[in-house]
C-alpha atoms as a PDB file:
ATOM      1  CA  MET A   1     120.650  49.549 102.550  1.00  0.00           C
ATOM      2  CA  LYS A   2     123.471  50.110 104.452  1.00  0.00           C
ATOM      3  CA  LYS A   3     126.770  49.141 102.197  1.00  0.00           C
ATOM      4  CA  ALA A   4     127.860  46.702 104.472  1.00  0.00           C
ATOM      5  CA  GLN A   5     124.780  44.160 103.999  1.00  0.00           C
ATOM      6  CA  GLN A   6     124.664  45.323 100.275  1.00  0.00           C
ATOM      7  CA  LYS A   7     128.222  44.110 100.316  1.00  0.00           C
ATOM      8  CA  ILE A   8     126.807  40.627 101.706  1.00  0.00           C
ATOM      9  CA  GLU A   9     122.971  40.629  99.216  1.00  0.00           C
ATOM     10  CA  ILE A  10     125.567  40.909  95.969  1.00  0.00           C
ATOM     11  CA  ALA A  11     128.068  38.318  97.642  1.00  0.00           C
ATOM     12  CA  GLN A  12     125.793  36.050  98.276  1.00  0.00           C
ATOM     13  CA  ARG A  13     124.072  36.305  95.290  1.00  0.00           C
ATOM     14  CA  LEU A  14     127.183  36.003  93.177  1.00  0.00           C
ATOM     15  CA  PHE A  15     128.159  33.310  95.098  1.00  0.00           C
ATOM     16  CA  LEU A  16     125.020  31.760  94.259  1.00  0.00           C
ATOM     17  CA  THR A  17     124.938  31.924  90.898  1.00  0.00           C
ATOM     18  CA  GLU A  18     126.309  29.953  87.647  1.00  0.00           C
ATOM     19  CA  ASP A  19     126.282  32.059  84.717  1.00  0.00           C
ATOM     20  CA  GLU A  20     129.807  32.387  83.072  1.00  0.00           C
ATOM     21  CA  HIS A  21     128.778  35.592  81.432  1.00  0.00           C
ATOM     22  CA  ILE A  22     127.864  37.232  84.695  1.00  0.00           C
ATOM     23  CA  LEU A  23     131.058  36.251  86.784  1.00  0.00           C
ATOM     24  CA  LYS A  24     133.572  37.417  83.879  1.00  0.00           C
ATOM     25  CA  GLU A  25     131.164  40.896  84.084  1.00  0.00           C
ATOM     26  CA  VAL A  26     131.784  40.915  88.057  1.00  0.00           C
ATOM     27  CA  SER A  27     135.547  40.230  87.414  1.00  0.00           C
ATOM     28  CA  TYR A  28     136.238  42.612  84.454  1.00  0.00           C
ATOM     29  CA  LEU A  29     134.143  45.984  86.642  1.00  0.00           C
ATOM     30  CA  LEU A  30     136.493  44.395  89.825  1.00  0.00           C
ATOM     31  CA  SER A  31     139.489  45.090  88.331  1.00  0.00           C
ATOM     32  CA  GLN A  32     138.968  48.288  86.762  1.00  0.00           C
ATOM     33  CA  ASP A  33     141.130  51.368  87.947  1.00  0.00           C
ATOM     34  CA  GLU A  34     139.974  54.586  86.203  1.00  0.00           C
ATOM     35  CA  LYS A  35     144.029  55.548  86.210  1.00  0.00           C
ATOM     36  CA  ASP A  36     144.679  52.550  83.796  1.00  0.00           C
ATOM     37  CA  TYR A  37     141.191  53.802  81.444  1.00  0.00           C
ATOM     38  CA  GLU A  38     143.115  55.651  78.070  1.00  0.00           C
ATOM     39  CA  LEU A  39     140.907  56.880  75.076  1.00  0.00           C
ATOM     40  CA  SER A  40     141.544  55.982  71.758  1.00  0.00           C
ATOM     41  CA  GLU A  41     142.912  58.099  69.316  1.00  0.00           C
ATOM     42  CA  GLU A  42     140.598  58.001  67.349  1.00  0.00           C
ATOM     43  CA  ILE A  43     138.383  59.128  70.580  1.00  0.00           C
ATOM     44  CA  LYS A  44     140.711  61.826  71.091  1.00  0.00           C
ATOM     45  CA  GLU A  45     140.407  63.649  67.612  1.00  0.00           C
ATOM     46  CA  GLU A  46     136.753  62.670  67.766  1.00  0.00           C
ATOM     47  CA  LEU A  47     136.970  65.056  71.128  1.00  0.00           C
ATOM     48  CA  ASP A  48     139.485  67.316  69.670  1.00  0.00           C
ATOM     49  CA  GLU A  49     137.208  67.843  67.117  1.00  0.00           C
ATOM     50  CA  LEU A  50     134.009  68.722  69.063  1.00  0.00           C
ATOM     51  CA  ARG A  51     135.288  71.165  71.133  1.00  0.00           C
ATOM     52  CA  GLN A  52     137.027  73.240  68.467  1.00  0.00           C
ATOM     53  CA  LEU A  53     133.164  72.976  66.886  1.00  0.00           C
ATOM     54  CA  ARG A  54     132.535  74.557  71.037  1.00  0.00           C
ATOM     55  CA  LYS A  55     134.601  77.197  70.436  1.00  0.00           C
ATOM     56  CA  ALA A  56     134.192  78.359  67.470  1.00  0.00           C
ATOM     57  CA  GLY A  57     130.689  79.083  68.164  1.00  0.00           C
ATOM     58  CA  LYS A  58     128.996  76.008  65.570  1.00  0.00           C
ATOM     59  CA  THR A  59     128.117  73.997  67.799  1.00  0.00           C
ATOM     60  CA  LYS A  60     125.910  74.583  71.537  1.00  0.00           C
ATOM     61  CA  SER A  61     126.081  72.643  74.935  1.00  0.00           C
ATOM     62  CA  TYR A  62     122.698  71.576  76.797  1.00  0.00           C
ATOM     63  CA  THR A  63     122.495  70.857  80.081  1.00  0.00           C
ATOM     64  CA  VAL A  64     120.006  67.611  81.537  1.00  0.00           C
ATOM     65  CA  ALA A  65     116.868  70.487  82.649  1.00  0.00           C
ATOM     66  CA  GLU A  66     117.401  72.596  79.078  1.00  0.00           C
ATOM     67  CA  VAL A  67     117.297  69.069  77.019  1.00  0.00           C
ATOM     68  CA  ARG A  68     114.584  67.608  79.692  1.00  0.00           C
ATOM     69  CA  LYS A  69     112.475  70.955  79.506  1.00  0.00           C
ATOM     70  CA  TYR A  70     113.008  70.357  75.134  1.00  0.00           C
ATOM     71  CA  ALA A  71     111.757  66.484  75.458  1.00  0.00           C
ATOM     72  CA  LEU A  72     108.806  67.724  77.444  1.00  0.00           C
ATOM     73  CA  SER A  73     107.987  70.385  75.526  1.00  0.00           C
ATOM     74  CA  LYS A  74     107.506  68.622  71.750  1.00  0.00           C
ATOM     75  CA  ILE A  75     105.814  65.283  74.066  1.00  0.00           C
ATOM     76  CA  LYS A  76     102.906  67.675  74.843  1.00  0.00           C
ATOM     77  CA  LYS A  77     102.015  68.444  71.819  1.00  0.00           C
END
């Protein structure tokens, strides 16, 4: 489906909806600007702590492929 067609279909569905929740959610999504997004101080502190643990070698990160492989190995058992 092309973007223009997809936009038209979404607009048509949006025009027909009477659900206030959906309208508010769409309005919220469309008003979001990534430049305006800011993390709370609490989240920043938590991320800093996690980064320090990672740098100190106390935690490890995994790729999506590694997680998938591990999960599948546990399911098969």
